[in-house]
Structures are given as structure tokens and as C-alpha cells.
Amino acid sequence: MMFTIAFMSAGVLLTPIFFVAAALVVVGRFKPSRKMQRTGYIVAAVWLLPAACWTYYLQILIEPDRYRVLSKPEVVYGVSLPTGAQVSYRRWARRLQWVNLRTPQTIQGVEYVDQVNFCNQHVCSGTLARDQDIRGIPCRAQTTIQFSETTAYLTQCTLSHPLNRQGVTWPAGSIVHIGPDGRMW
């Protein structure tokens, strides 16, 4: 919320600066005053960099998702994807939103199928293509696993076989949540 208020305030402040610069240049031209014109150009030059940054971040914030189906294997923002993958991405933010895979594909060391969701440059959640051990936890195929948005550590999965941890035997099929310290509940 605070970011939004600060961002919009910066845009409000940049607008009159642009008009002041334009007015100085125009008035300096019609009322021959090289000093006024130069001042207008200096104000415009000072305005240009913050305005360009503000416009870039505005594009990132309001950009709609883009969709496409890959016609050949391709690396999209650092992730290798097979032919036929449906991709949702943001061009200005340079990041993947999600991918739908028709065939199993290994992404960041884990084999997925169906939908994989991304947070920044790593996987947030996805459907496992086969039973896999992820950081020492046996996760079941065809179930969704989740990772932390900030640390990319496994936070939830369905166990593929019983697991002894913390003095507790977790039965196969249990949905376990894993904390940042590795404790399960």
C-alpha cells in the first residue's frame, strides 16, 4: 500500500515539472530569452531520468499477462521448456507467471507435468510427474507441491511413502507442511 502511494505521488510530482520545463522553453522562444530557454532544457534534462524510471515501473505494474504456445523447445527467462508448452509471462517484468506442460519436464531439478507456477525466477508450485525425493522428503506423483515465494524451500507436499521425522511416523498420503527450519506439521 505504501509503495503504491509513494509511486503515484512521484508520478503526480513529475507531471508539473514536465509542464514547467515545456513552458520555460516555449516562453523563452517567443520572448527571446536564451536564459529562460536554457533553464527549460536543464529542467527537462533533470526530469528525464526519473520520468523514464517511473514509466518503466508503471509498465511493469500494469502490464497484462501474455500467452503463447511454444512451437519449438525454448529457454524462456532462464527456464528450458519443451515444444507445445503453454506459457504465461510478463515481458516488461521479464518473468514467467505459469507454464502448462503436456509432457514431463525437469525444471530446477524437479520433474513436473501439467501446471507449474512461478514466483520471480523460481517455482512456487507445480504438479509432480513422478514420485520424487525433494530435499529428503518423499513426495507423491500427480500431487501439487509448494515452495516458499522468498526462499524457494519446499513448504508442502503429499508423502509418497511413510517418513520418520521429529519422532513421528508420517503415513504415506499425508499432506505435510514444512517450516523454514525444516520442522513438519
C-alpha atoms as a PDB file:
ATOM      1  CA  MET A   1       0.000   0.000   0.000  1.00  0.00           C
ATOM      2  CA  MET A   2       2.782   2.442   0.939  1.00  0.00           C
ATOM      3  CA  PHE A   3       4.625   1.615  -2.298  1.00  0.00           C
ATOM      4  CA  THR A   4       1.513   2.435  -4.328  1.00  0.00           C
ATOM      5  CA  ILE A   5       1.021   5.767  -2.579  1.00  0.00           C
ATOM      6  CA  ALA A   6       4.707   6.716  -2.987  1.00  0.00           C
ATOM      7  CA  PHE A   7       4.722   5.585  -6.614  1.00  0.00           C
ATOM      8  CA  MET A   8       1.624   7.558  -7.550  1.00  0.00           C
ATOM      9  CA  SER A   9       2.899  10.622  -5.625  1.00  0.00           C
ATOM     10  CA  ALA A  10       6.106  10.517  -7.659  1.00  0.00           C
ATOM     11  CA  GLY A  11       4.004  10.495 -10.846  1.00  0.00           C
ATOM     12  CA  VAL A  12       1.983  13.463  -9.609  1.00  0.00           C
ATOM     13  CA  LEU A  13       5.195  15.392  -8.873  1.00  0.00           C
ATOM     14  CA  LEU A  14       6.783  14.562 -12.229  1.00  0.00           C
ATOM     15  CA  THR A  15       3.833  15.934 -14.218  1.00  0.00           C
ATOM     16  CA  PRO A  16       4.115  19.649 -13.237  1.00  0.00           C
ATOM     17  CA  ILE A  17       7.889  19.519 -13.636  1.00  0.00           C
ATOM     18  CA  PHE A  18       7.390  18.491 -17.265  1.00  0.00           C
ATOM     19  CA  PHE A  19       4.955  21.364 -17.854  1.00  0.00           C
ATOM     20  CA  VAL A  20       7.289  23.873 -16.185  1.00  0.00           C
ATOM     21  CA  ALA A  21      10.154  22.742 -18.428  1.00  0.00           C
ATOM     22  CA  ALA A  22       7.957  22.948 -21.548  1.00  0.00           C
ATOM     23  CA  ALA A  23       6.629  26.381 -20.550  1.00  0.00           C
ATOM     24  CA  LEU A  24      10.143  27.741 -19.989  1.00  0.00           C
ATOM     25  CA  VAL A  25      11.299  26.524 -23.393  1.00  0.00           C
ATOM     26  CA  VAL A  26       8.204  27.837 -25.242  1.00  0.00           C
ATOM     27  CA  VAL A  27       8.079  31.190 -23.469  1.00  0.00           C
ATOM     28  CA  GLY A  28      11.839  31.575 -23.898  1.00  0.00           C
ATOM     29  CA  ARG A  29      11.415  31.040 -27.637  1.00  0.00           C
ATOM     30  CA  PHE A  30       8.571  33.541 -28.129  1.00  0.00           C
ATOM     31  CA  LYS A  31      10.016  36.102 -25.768  1.00  0.00           C
ATOM     32  CA  PRO A  32      13.621  35.878 -26.929  1.00  0.00           C
ATOM     33  CA  SER A  33      15.322  34.835 -23.724  1.00  0.00           C
ATOM     34  CA  ARG A  34      18.123  32.312 -24.157  1.00  0.00           C
ATOM     35  CA  LYS A  35      18.498  32.118 -20.380  1.00  0.00           C
ATOM     36  CA  MET A  36      14.854  31.057 -19.929  1.00  0.00           C
ATOM     37  CA  GLN A  37      15.169  28.508 -22.743  1.00  0.00           C
ATOM     38  CA  ARG A  38      18.362  27.036 -21.258  1.00  0.00           C
ATOM     39  CA  THR A  39      16.682  26.794 -17.867  1.00  0.00           C
ATOM     40  CA  GLY A  40      13.787  24.921 -19.501  1.00  0.00           C
ATOM     41  CA  TYR A  41      16.192  22.468 -21.150  1.00  0.00           C
ATOM     42  CA  ILE A  42      18.033  21.915 -17.839  1.00  0.00           C
ATOM     43  CA  VAL A  43      14.749  21.265 -16.004  1.00  0.00           C
ATOM     44  CA  ALA A  44      13.729  18.845 -18.798  1.00  0.00           C
ATOM     45  CA  ALA A  45      17.083  17.026 -18.565  1.00  0.00           C
ATOM     46  CA  VAL A  46      16.750  16.676 -14.782  1.00  0.00           C
ATOM     47  CA  TRP A  47      13.146  15.478 -15.233  1.00  0.00           C
ATOM     48  CA  LEU A  48      14.011  12.889 -17.908  1.00  0.00           C
ATOM     49  CA  LEU A  49      15.740  10.163 -15.853  1.00  0.00           C
ATOM     50  CA  PRO A  50      13.186   9.952 -13.013  1.00  0.00           C
ATOM     51  CA  ALA A  51      10.352  10.096 -15.562  1.00  0.00           C
ATOM     52  CA  ALA A  52      11.885   7.253 -17.584  1.00  0.00           C
ATOM     53  CA  CYS A  53      12.280   5.114 -14.435  1.00  0.00           C
ATOM     54  CA  TRP A  54       8.740   5.896 -13.316  1.00  0.00           C
ATOM     55  CA  THR A  55       7.348   4.993 -16.751  1.00  0.00           C
ATOM     56  CA  TYR A  56       9.299   1.707 -16.802  1.00  0.00           C
ATOM     57  CA  TYR A  57       7.930   0.650 -13.400  1.00  0.00           C
ATOM     58  CA  LEU A  58       4.428   1.736 -14.406  1.00  0.00           C
ATOM     59  CA  GLN A  59       4.699  -0.603 -17.408  1.00  0.00           C
ATOM     60  CA  ILE A  60       5.710  -3.447 -15.081  1.00  0.00           C
ATOM     61  CA  LEU A  61       2.794  -2.792 -12.728  1.00  0.00           C
ATOM     62  CA  ILE A  62       0.015  -2.502 -15.316  1.00  0.00           C
ATOM     63  CA  GLU A  63       1.285  -4.964 -17.897  1.00  0.00           C
ATOM     64  CA  PRO A  64      -1.214  -7.697 -18.749  1.00  0.00           C
ATOM     65  CA  ASP A  65      -0.126 -11.336 -18.892  1.00  0.00           C
ATOM     66  CA  ARG A  66       0.906 -12.555 -22.331  1.00  0.00           C
ATOM     67  CA  TYR A  67       0.227 -16.092 -23.533  1.00  0.00           C
ATOM     68  CA  ARG A  68       1.710 -18.307 -26.209  1.00  0.00           C
ATOM     69  CA  VAL A  69       2.302 -21.944 -27.121  1.00  0.00           C
ATOM     70  CA  LEU A  70       5.912 -22.795 -27.906  1.00  0.00           C
ATOM     71  CA  SER A  71       6.444 -24.099 -31.435  1.00  0.00           C
ATOM     72  CA  LYS A  72       9.944 -25.381 -30.600  1.00  0.00           C
ATOM     73  CA  PRO A  73      11.983 -26.025 -27.427  1.00  0.00           C
ATOM     74  CA  GLU A  74      12.937 -22.674 -25.944  1.00  0.00           C
ATOM     75  CA  VAL A  75      14.511 -21.049 -22.891  1.00  0.00           C
ATOM     76  CA  VAL A  76      12.031 -18.501 -21.515  1.00  0.00           C
ATOM     77  CA  TYR A  77      13.502 -16.179 -18.891  1.00  0.00           C
ATOM     78  CA  GLY A  78      16.032 -18.776 -17.803  1.00  0.00           C
ATOM     79  CA  VAL A  79      13.712 -21.825 -17.828  1.00  0.00           C
ATOM     80  CA  SER A  80      14.109 -24.530 -20.516  1.00  0.00           C
ATOM     81  CA  LEU A  81      10.703 -25.507 -21.876  1.00  0.00           C
ATOM     82  CA  PRO A  82       9.647 -28.159 -24.425  1.00  0.00           C
ATOM     83  CA  THR A  83       7.667 -27.792 -27.645  1.00  0.00           C
ATOM     84  CA  GLY A  84       3.932 -27.415 -27.000  1.00  0.00           C
ATOM     85  CA  ALA A  85       4.271 -25.798 -23.560  1.00  0.00           C
ATOM     86  CA  GLN A  86       1.673 -23.103 -22.914  1.00  0.00           C
ATOM     87  CA  VAL A  87       3.393 -20.107 -21.354  1.00  0.00           C
ATOM     88  CA  SER A  88       2.075 -17.086 -19.467  1.00  0.00           C
ATOM     89  CA  TYR A  89       4.684 -14.377 -18.982  1.00  0.00           C
ATOM     90  CA  ARG A  90       5.224 -10.675 -18.471  1.00  0.00           C
ATOM     91  CA  ARG A  91       7.560  -9.071 -20.969  1.00  0.00           C
ATOM     92  CA  TRP A  92       8.366  -5.854 -19.093  1.00  0.00           C
ATOM     93  CA  ALA A  93       8.877  -7.625 -15.768  1.00  0.00           C
ATOM     94  CA  ARG A  94      10.852 -10.346 -17.589  1.00  0.00           C
ATOM     95  CA  ARG A  95       9.318 -13.229 -15.673  1.00  0.00           C
ATOM     96  CA  LEU A  96       7.198 -16.329 -16.139  1.00  0.00           C
ATOM     97  CA  GLN A  97       3.788 -16.447 -14.483  1.00  0.00           C
ATOM     98  CA  TRP A  98       2.953 -20.105 -15.189  1.00  0.00           C
ATOM     99  CA  VAL A  99       3.565 -22.928 -17.683  1.00  0.00           C
ATOM    100  CA  ASN A 100       1.332 -25.847 -18.717  1.00  0.00           C
ATOM    101  CA  LEU A 101       3.358 -28.878 -19.776  1.00  0.00           C
ATOM    102  CA  ARG A 102       1.995 -31.707 -21.927  1.00  0.00           C
ATOM    103  CA  THR A 103       4.966 -33.963 -21.246  1.00  0.00           C
ATOM    104  CA  PRO A 104       7.130 -34.303 -18.126  1.00  0.00           C
ATOM    105  CA  GLN A 105       9.831 -31.649 -17.892  1.00  0.00           C
ATOM    106  CA  THR A 106      12.592 -31.113 -15.340  1.00  0.00           C
ATOM    107  CA  ILE A 107      12.662 -27.560 -14.009  1.00  0.00           C
ATOM    108  CA  GLN A 108      15.135 -26.585 -11.302  1.00  0.00           C
ATOM    109  CA  GLY A 109      15.892 -30.249 -10.541  1.00  0.00           C
ATOM    110  CA  VAL A 110      12.282 -31.441 -10.147  1.00  0.00           C
ATOM    111  CA  GLU A 111      10.231 -33.260 -12.809  1.00  0.00           C
ATOM    112  CA  TYR A 112       6.821 -31.641 -13.389  1.00  0.00           C
ATOM    113  CA  VAL A 113       3.777 -32.201 -15.585  1.00  0.00           C
ATOM    114  CA  ASP A 114       0.643 -30.081 -16.088  1.00  0.00           C
ATOM    115  CA  GLN A 115       0.774 -26.597 -14.498  1.00  0.00           C
ATOM    116  CA  VAL A 116       3.836 -25.046 -12.881  1.00  0.00           C
ATOM    117  CA  ASN A 117       3.531 -21.606 -11.225  1.00  0.00           C
ATOM    118  CA  PHE A 118       6.469 -19.233 -10.811  1.00  0.00           C
ATOM    119  CA  CYS A 119       7.394 -16.572  -8.239  1.00  0.00           C
ATOM    120  CA  ASN A 120      10.137 -14.333  -9.550  1.00  0.00           C
ATOM    121  CA  GLN A 121      12.644 -16.746 -11.118  1.00  0.00           C
ATOM    122  CA  HIS A 122      11.790 -19.942  -9.224  1.00  0.00           C
ATOM    123  CA  VAL A 123       8.919 -22.410  -8.988  1.00  0.00           C
ATOM    124  CA  CYS A 124       6.188 -21.639  -6.405  1.00  0.00           C
ATOM    125  CA  SER A 125       4.051 -24.709  -7.042  1.00  0.00           C
ATOM    126  CA  GLY A 126       3.616 -27.490  -9.537  1.00  0.00           C
ATOM    127  CA  THR A 127       2.294 -30.988 -10.193  1.00  0.00           C
ATOM    128  CA  LEU A 128       4.886 -33.745  -9.866  1.00  0.00           C
ATOM    129  CA  ALA A 129       5.340 -36.061 -12.851  1.00  0.00           C
ATOM    130  CA  ARG A 130       6.592 -38.976 -10.704  1.00  0.00           C
ATOM    131  CA  ASP A 131       7.397 -39.832  -7.079  1.00  0.00           C
ATOM    132  CA  GLN A 132      10.460 -37.798  -6.100  1.00  0.00           C
ATOM    133  CA  ASP A 133      12.569 -37.040  -3.056  1.00  0.00           C
ATOM    134  CA  ILE A 134      12.773 -33.277  -2.668  1.00  0.00           C
ATOM    135  CA  ARG A 135      15.248 -32.179  -0.004  1.00  0.00           C
ATOM    136  CA  GLY A 136      14.907 -35.514   1.762  1.00  0.00           C
ATOM    137  CA  ILE A 137      11.098 -35.636   1.701  1.00  0.00           C
ATOM    138  CA  PRO A 138       9.416 -38.321  -0.460  1.00  0.00           C
ATOM    139  CA  CYS A 139       6.702 -36.558  -2.482  1.00  0.00           C
ATOM    140  CA  ARG A 140       3.922 -38.344  -4.394  1.00  0.00           C
ATOM    141  CA  ALA A 141       3.391 -38.175  -8.170  1.00  0.00           C
ATOM    142  CA  GLN A 142       0.371 -36.337  -9.609  1.00  0.00           C
ATOM    143  CA  THR A 143       0.075 -34.132  -6.494  1.00  0.00           C
ATOM    144  CA  THR A 144       0.868 -30.465  -6.092  1.00  0.00           C
ATOM    145  CA  ILE A 145       3.925 -29.348  -4.184  1.00  0.00           C
ATOM    146  CA  GLN A 146       4.550 -25.818  -2.969  1.00  0.00           C
ATOM    147  CA  PHE A 147       7.692 -23.778  -2.378  1.00  0.00           C
ATOM    148  CA  SER A 148       8.281 -20.598  -0.393  1.00  0.00           C
ATOM    149  CA  GLU A 149       7.961 -17.452  -2.518  1.00  0.00           C
ATOM    150  CA  THR A 150      11.056 -15.896  -0.960  1.00  0.00           C
ATOM    151  CA  THR A 151      13.447 -18.762  -0.173  1.00  0.00           C
ATOM    152  CA  ALA A 152      12.365 -21.407  -2.730  1.00  0.00           C
ATOM    153  CA  TYR A 153      12.359 -24.099   0.008  1.00  0.00           C
ATOM    154  CA  LEU A 154       9.741 -26.853  -0.101  1.00  0.00           C
ATOM    155  CA  THR A 155       6.760 -25.872   2.102  1.00  0.00           C
ATOM    156  CA  GLN A 156       4.114 -28.520   1.284  1.00  0.00           C
ATOM    157  CA  CYS A 157       3.808 -31.927  -0.349  1.00  0.00           C
ATOM    158  CA  THR A 158       1.919 -35.227  -0.162  1.00  0.00           C
ATOM    159  CA  LEU A 159       4.112 -38.097   1.060  1.00  0.00           C
ATOM    160  CA  SER A 160       4.670 -40.996  -1.346  1.00  0.00           C
ATOM    161  CA  HIS A 161       5.731 -43.410   1.425  1.00  0.00           C
ATOM    162  CA  PRO A 162       5.943 -43.304   5.236  1.00  0.00           C
ATOM    163  CA  LEU A 163       8.510 -40.924   6.718  1.00  0.00           C
ATOM    164  CA  ASN A 164      10.021 -40.899  10.213  1.00  0.00           C
ATOM    165  CA  ARG A 165      10.872 -37.404  11.328  1.00  0.00           C
ATOM    166  CA  GLN A 166      10.779 -35.491  14.607  1.00  0.00           C
ATOM    167  CA  GLY A 167       9.922 -38.724  16.453  1.00  0.00           C
ATOM    168  CA  VAL A 168       6.720 -39.117  14.420  1.00  0.00           C
ATOM    169  CA  THR A 169       5.919 -41.591  11.659  1.00  0.00           C
ATOM    170  CA  TRP A 170       4.067 -39.746   8.933  1.00  0.00           C
ATOM    171  CA  PRO A 171       1.998 -42.214   6.833  1.00  0.00           C
ATOM    172  CA  ALA A 172       2.035 -42.266   3.035  1.00  0.00           C
ATOM    173  CA  GLY A 173      -0.593 -39.913   1.620  1.00  0.00           C
ATOM    174  CA  SER A 174      -0.172 -37.353   4.418  1.00  0.00           C
ATOM    175  CA  ILE A 175      -0.077 -33.738   3.303  1.00  0.00           C
ATOM    176  CA  VAL A 176       2.823 -32.257   5.230  1.00  0.00           C
ATOM    177  CA  HIS A 177       3.786 -28.628   5.723  1.00  0.00           C
ATOM    178  CA  ILE A 178       7.450 -27.842   6.164  1.00  0.00           C
ATOM    179  CA  GLY A 179       8.586 -24.741   8.027  1.00  0.00           C
ATOM    180  CA  PRO A 180      11.707 -22.674   7.232  1.00  0.00           C
ATOM    181  CA  ASP A 181      13.585 -24.597   9.968  1.00  0.00           C
ATOM    182  CA  GLY A 182      12.676 -27.971   8.376  1.00  0.00           C
ATOM    183  CA  ARG A 183      10.092 -28.901  11.008  1.00  0.00           C
ATOM    184  CA  MET A 184       6.970 -30.634   9.711  1.00  0.00           C
ATOM    185  CA  TRP A 185       3.336 -30.458  10.769  1.00  0.00           C
END
